[in-house]
Amino acid sequence: MKVSGFTFLRNAVKNNYPFIASINSILPIVDEFIVVVCDSEDNTLELVKSINSNKLKVISAPFVSNEDWTYARYTNLAYFLCRGDWCFYIQADEVFPEWELDKIYRCMEKFLKVKEVEGILLNYRHFYGSFRYIRIDRGWYYKEVRIIRNNLNIVSYKDAQGFRLVEGSNFRKLMVVDSDTYIHHYGFVFKKLGDRIYKECKKEWLREYTGKHPSVLGKYIEDFEDNFDINKCNLEPNFENLIKLSKEFFDKLLGKRFFEYKPYKLMKP
């Protein structure tokens, strides 16, 4: 079995993404790692090339915006260059914990010859404002397809959150299995949102995290100035948040989340 890692980057330094940690987090289990680096206004390309690994393959690309499909275009460029049986997609603000590496590798081995399985789900921990809290409210996807079979009919879809299989003029959801492993998402720890970090959250939507963080984030955590105050969370009253609160109310009333967006079809193990 061969495994490819892949991603695309642009202005990763300017946007304060932990992209070096992201790439290094899955390097131990991949045979190659394809990185497409779009024209940037910082030294993203130089820093990627400084990673000391012969698995890394760096491709420079011009940047052309195309509304919803921009991220998908460059994700697909990296994906179509992969040569592995499985292709592991990781975004610049995601880091895969080292204690999950063996488990996810065994999952890929288990389903390698089960051709009906087109992708593998990862569970998410979305950190918010600090390394101390994770978001648990509706709207933050708790599972997503991040490992896909190498198949030219599979493509990254729209904003590159998920993948679809092309059937004629249709985009079908992938048939997937759950890996029961976790990936960490740190975008809203490193993003410089100012007061928005408080206006887009309620205190009740955060849960304290007492577990470990991936070791590749050691320097990032050491240098991070944690000024986040959970007691300042004050959700801004607007139409979008009103809809979300209404859905949350019915979720609690009925004891289950209904009409939650799932861009995949889960298969039985």
Protein backbone atom coordinates (compact mmCIF):
# COMPACT_ATOMS: atom_id res chain seq x y z
CA MET A 1 0.00 0.00 0.00
CA LYS A 2 1.22 3.48 -0.89
CA VAL A 3 -0.11 6.65 0.69
CA SER A 4 0.13 10.20 -0.66
CA GLY A 5 -0.32 13.34 1.39
CA PHE A 6 -1.44 16.49 -0.36
CA THR A 7 -2.39 20.11 0.24
CA PHE A 8 -2.22 23.57 -1.27
CA LEU A 9 -1.00 26.80 0.30
CA ARG A 10 -1.16 30.54 -0.31
CA ASN A 11 -0.06 33.31 2.06
CA ALA A 12 0.19 30.73 4.85
CA VAL A 13 2.65 32.89 6.81
CA LYS A 14 0.55 36.02 6.41
CA ASN A 15 -2.54 34.12 7.58
CA ASN A 16 -0.66 32.68 10.55
CA TYR A 17 -1.38 29.05 9.68
CA PRO A 18 0.66 26.28 11.36
CA PHE A 19 1.35 24.76 7.94
CA ILE A 20 4.81 23.38 8.76
CA ALA A 21 3.34 21.44 11.69
CA SER A 22 0.43 20.38 9.49
CA ILE A 23 2.67 18.83 6.85
CA ASN A 24 5.03 17.24 9.37
CA SER A 25 2.15 15.68 11.28
CA ILE A 26 1.39 13.10 8.56
CA LEU A 27 4.81 12.76 6.94
CA PRO A 28 5.59 9.56 8.94
CA ILE A 29 2.79 7.57 7.27
CA VAL A 30 2.94 8.87 3.68
CA ASP A 31 5.25 7.80 0.86
CA GLU A 32 5.07 11.23 -0.74
CA PHE A 33 3.61 14.63 0.07
CA ILE A 34 2.43 16.89 -2.74
CA VAL A 35 2.30 20.61 -1.91
CA VAL A 36 0.96 23.13 -4.41
CA VAL A 37 2.10 26.62 -3.40
CA CYS A 38 0.22 29.44 -5.11
CA ASP A 39 1.81 32.82 -5.73
CA SER A 40 2.03 34.41 -2.28
CA GLU A 41 2.83 37.74 -0.69
CA ASP A 42 5.10 36.16 1.92
CA ASN A 43 7.78 33.47 2.18
CA THR A 44 5.43 30.46 2.23
CA LEU A 45 7.25 28.79 -0.67
CA GLU A 46 10.70 29.18 0.89
CA LEU A 47 9.55 27.76 4.22
CA VAL A 48 7.91 24.74 2.58
CA LYS A 49 11.09 24.02 0.65
CA SER A 50 13.04 24.17 3.91
CA ILE A 51 11.27 21.08 5.27
CA ASN A 52 13.90 18.36 5.41
CA SER A 53 12.20 15.40 3.74
CA ASN A 54 12.73 13.61 0.44
CA LYS A 55 9.01 12.76 0.47
CA LEU A 56 8.10 16.37 -0.25
CA LYS A 57 7.22 17.45 -3.79
CA VAL A 58 6.60 21.18 -4.16
CA ILE A 59 4.79 22.67 -7.16
CA SER A 60 4.53 26.43 -7.73
CA ALA A 61 1.33 27.72 -9.32
CA PRO A 62 -0.17 31.08 -10.29
CA PHE A 63 -3.18 32.15 -8.27
CA VAL A 64 -6.48 32.78 -10.07
CA SER A 65 -9.65 33.34 -8.05
CA ASN A 66 -12.89 31.72 -9.21
CA GLU A 67 -15.37 32.36 -6.39
CA ASP A 68 -16.56 29.11 -4.74
CA TRP A 69 -14.29 26.79 -6.72
CA THR A 70 -10.93 28.49 -6.07
CA TYR A 71 -9.84 26.23 -3.21
CA ALA A 72 -11.10 23.14 -5.01
CA ARG A 73 -9.06 23.94 -8.12
CA TYR A 74 -5.75 23.93 -6.28
CA THR A 75 -6.73 21.02 -4.05
CA ASN A 76 -7.46 19.00 -7.20
CA LEU A 77 -4.16 20.03 -8.78
CA ALA A 78 -2.31 18.54 -5.81
CA TYR A 79 -4.59 15.48 -5.67
CA PHE A 80 -4.23 14.63 -9.37
CA LEU A 81 -0.44 14.51 -8.93
CA CYS A 82 -0.69 11.89 -6.18
CA ARG A 83 0.51 8.36 -6.94
CA GLY A 84 -0.59 6.57 -3.77
CA ASP A 85 -3.46 4.10 -3.36
CA TRP A 86 -4.90 6.40 -0.70
CA CYS A 87 -4.57 10.19 -0.70
CA PHE A 88 -4.57 12.03 2.63
CA TYR A 89 -5.72 15.66 2.36
CA ILE A 90 -4.77 18.03 5.15
CA GLN A 91 -5.38 21.77 5.22
CA ALA A 92 -2.90 24.35 6.47
CA ASP A 93 -4.67 24.89 9.80
CA GLU A 94 -5.18 21.18 10.57
CA VAL A 95 -2.74 18.96 12.50
CA PHE A 96 -2.99 15.19 12.87
CA PRO A 97 -1.96 13.82 16.30
CA GLU A 98 0.94 11.38 16.34
CA TRP A 99 -0.96 9.01 18.67
CA GLU A 100 -3.51 8.44 15.89
CA LEU A 101 -1.01 7.63 13.11
CA ASP A 102 -0.90 3.84 13.59
CA LYS A 103 -4.66 3.61 13.85
CA ILE A 104 -5.37 5.57 10.66
CA TYR A 105 -2.71 3.61 8.77
CA ARG A 106 -4.29 0.31 9.83
CA CYS A 107 -7.67 1.64 8.72
CA MET A 108 -6.31 2.38 5.24
CA GLU A 109 -4.80 -1.11 5.08
CA LYS A 110 -8.06 -2.72 6.19
CA PHE A 111 -10.15 -1.11 3.45
CA LEU A 112 -7.54 -1.01 0.67
CA LYS A 113 -9.13 -3.88 -1.27
CA VAL A 114 -12.70 -3.01 -0.38
CA LYS A 115 -13.37 -1.05 -3.55
CA GLU A 116 -16.82 0.09 -2.40
CA VAL A 117 -15.07 2.31 0.15
CA GLU A 118 -14.22 5.55 -1.64
CA GLY A 119 -13.15 7.60 1.35
CA ILE A 120 -12.38 7.60 5.05
CA LEU A 121 -13.83 9.94 7.67
CA LEU A 122 -11.85 11.74 10.34
CA ASN A 123 -13.42 13.12 13.51
CA TYR A 124 -12.76 16.77 14.31
CA ARG A 125 -11.78 18.80 17.32
CA HIS A 126 -12.28 22.47 16.44
CA PHE A 127 -10.21 24.62 18.77
CA TYR A 128 -11.47 28.14 19.30
CA GLY A 129 -9.68 31.24 20.56
CA SER A 130 -7.22 29.17 22.56
CA PHE A 131 -5.66 25.73 22.80
CA ARG A 132 -7.87 25.32 25.88
CA TYR A 133 -11.33 25.22 24.25
CA ILE A 134 -13.15 23.39 21.47
CA ARG A 135 -16.41 24.31 19.72
CA ILE A 136 -19.26 21.85 20.21
CA ASP A 137 -22.21 23.72 18.69
CA ARG A 138 -24.14 23.07 15.50
CA GLY A 139 -22.48 24.25 12.30
CA TRP A 140 -19.01 22.96 13.13
CA TYR A 141 -18.68 19.70 11.22
CA TYR A 142 -17.71 16.90 13.56
CA LYS A 143 -16.69 14.49 10.78
CA GLU A 144 -15.22 15.06 7.33
CA VAL A 145 -13.71 13.07 4.48
CA ARG A 146 -9.97 13.66 4.47
CA ILE A 147 -8.68 10.40 2.98
CA ILE A 148 -9.81 9.38 -0.49
CA ARG A 149 -9.06 6.61 -2.92
CA ASN A 150 -6.86 7.60 -5.87
CA ASN A 151 -9.55 7.89 -8.52
CA LEU A 152 -9.65 10.50 -11.28
CA ASN A 153 -13.45 10.61 -10.99
CA ILE A 154 -13.17 11.91 -7.42
CA VAL A 155 -12.75 15.67 -7.13
CA SER A 156 -12.54 18.33 -4.46
CA TYR A 157 -15.86 20.14 -4.30
CA LYS A 158 -16.47 23.91 -4.23
CA ASP A 159 -14.73 25.35 -1.13
CA ALA A 160 -12.58 22.19 -0.71
CA GLN A 161 -14.24 21.07 2.52
CA GLY A 162 -15.27 17.75 0.99
CA PHE A 163 -15.04 15.54 -2.09
CA ARG A 164 -17.47 14.19 -4.68
CA LEU A 165 -17.43 11.49 -7.35
CA VAL A 166 -18.26 12.70 -10.86
CA GLU A 167 -20.97 10.65 -12.59
CA GLY A 168 -21.86 12.25 -15.90
CA SER A 169 -22.98 15.77 -15.04
CA ASN A 170 -23.68 14.91 -11.40
CA PHE A 171 -21.51 15.10 -8.28
CA ARG A 172 -22.28 12.10 -6.07
CA LYS A 173 -21.40 11.91 -2.38
CA LEU A 174 -18.64 9.43 -1.57
CA MET A 175 -19.27 6.11 0.13
CA VAL A 176 -17.12 6.24 3.27
CA VAL A 177 -16.20 4.49 6.50
CA ASP A 178 -15.41 6.08 9.85
CA SER A 179 -11.81 5.74 11.02
CA ASP A 180 -12.62 6.60 14.64
CA THR A 181 -9.54 8.84 14.71
CA TYR A 182 -9.33 12.56 15.46
CA ILE A 183 -7.74 15.46 13.63
CA HIS A 184 -7.26 18.87 15.25
CA HIS A 185 -8.39 22.09 13.58
CA TYR A 186 -6.63 25.24 14.83
CA GLY A 187 -7.78 27.88 12.33
CA PHE A 188 -9.74 29.83 14.92
CA VAL A 189 -6.85 29.78 17.36
CA PHE A 190 -4.38 31.42 14.99
CA LYS A 191 -6.77 33.66 13.05
CA LYS A 192 -6.55 37.28 14.13
CA LEU A 193 -10.27 38.01 14.49
CA GLY A 194 -10.17 40.69 17.17
CA ASP A 195 -13.56 41.19 18.84
CA ARG A 196 -15.21 38.90 16.29
CA ILE A 197 -13.86 35.93 18.23
CA TYR A 198 -16.33 36.84 20.99
CA LYS A 199 -19.22 38.06 18.83
CA GLU A 200 -19.44 34.74 16.99
CA CYS A 201 -19.64 32.51 20.04
CA LYS A 202 -21.53 31.74 23.25
CA LYS A 203 -19.82 30.51 26.39
CA GLU A 204 -22.09 27.44 26.32
CA TRP A 205 -20.74 26.52 22.90
CA LEU A 206 -17.25 25.91 24.25
CA ARG A 207 -15.93 22.89 26.09
CA GLU A 208 -12.65 22.85 27.98
CA TYR A 209 -10.08 20.55 26.41
CA THR A 210 -7.86 18.67 28.84
CA GLY A 211 -6.15 16.32 26.40
CA LYS A 212 -2.84 16.52 24.59
CA HIS A 213 -1.85 18.47 21.49
CA PRO A 214 0.30 17.08 18.68
CA SER A 215 4.01 17.34 19.51
CA VAL A 216 4.76 19.13 16.21
CA LEU A 217 2.84 22.11 17.65
CA GLY A 218 5.23 22.45 20.58
CA LYS A 219 6.92 25.67 19.39
CA TYR A 220 3.59 27.18 18.27
CA ILE A 221 2.06 26.60 21.71
CA GLU A 222 5.14 27.90 23.47
CA ASP A 223 5.07 31.16 21.47
CA PHE A 224 1.29 31.63 21.58
CA GLU A 225 -0.06 34.55 23.61
CA ASP A 226 -3.27 33.20 25.09
CA ASN A 227 -5.46 36.21 25.83
CA PHE A 228 -8.77 34.49 25.19
CA ASP A 229 -11.39 35.09 27.90
CA ILE A 230 -14.37 32.76 27.65
CA ASN A 231 -16.47 35.11 29.78
CA LYS A 232 -16.34 37.77 27.06
CA CYS A 233 -18.26 35.59 24.59
CA ASN A 234 -21.36 37.55 23.61
CA LEU A 235 -23.10 36.25 20.49
CA GLU A 236 -24.02 39.08 18.14
CA PRO A 237 -27.80 39.26 17.53
CA ASN A 238 -28.44 38.87 13.80
CA PHE A 239 -30.64 36.79 11.49
CA GLU A 240 -28.06 34.07 10.88
CA ASN A 241 -27.44 33.55 14.58
CA LEU A 242 -31.18 33.59 15.28
CA ILE A 243 -31.63 30.69 12.85
CA LYS A 244 -28.78 28.81 14.48
CA LEU A 245 -30.23 29.35 17.96
CA SER A 246 -33.63 28.14 16.75
CA LYS A 247 -32.11 24.95 15.38
CA GLU A 248 -30.21 24.46 18.61
CA PHE A 249 -33.43 24.85 20.58
CA PHE A 250 -35.16 22.09 18.60
CA ASP A 251 -32.05 19.88 18.82
CA LYS A 252 -32.24 20.02 22.61
CA LEU A 253 -36.00 19.60 22.60
CA LEU A 254 -35.89 16.49 20.41
CA GLY A 255 -32.58 15.14 21.70
CA LYS A 256 -31.01 14.85 18.25
CA ARG A 257 -29.54 17.04 15.54
CA PHE A 258 -31.78 17.05 12.49
CA PHE A 259 -31.03 18.31 8.96
CA GLU A 260 -27.31 18.46 9.61
CA TYR A 261 -25.23 18.76 6.44
CA LYS A 262 -23.28 15.57 5.69
CA PRO A 263 -21.38 15.63 2.37
CA TYR A 264 -20.84 11.84 2.38
CA LYS A 265 -22.68 8.53 2.74
CA LEU A 266 -21.57 6.45 5.71
CA MET A 267 -21.22 2.70 5.12
CA LYS A 268 -21.55 0.03 7.77
CA PRO A 269 -18.17 -1.40 8.88
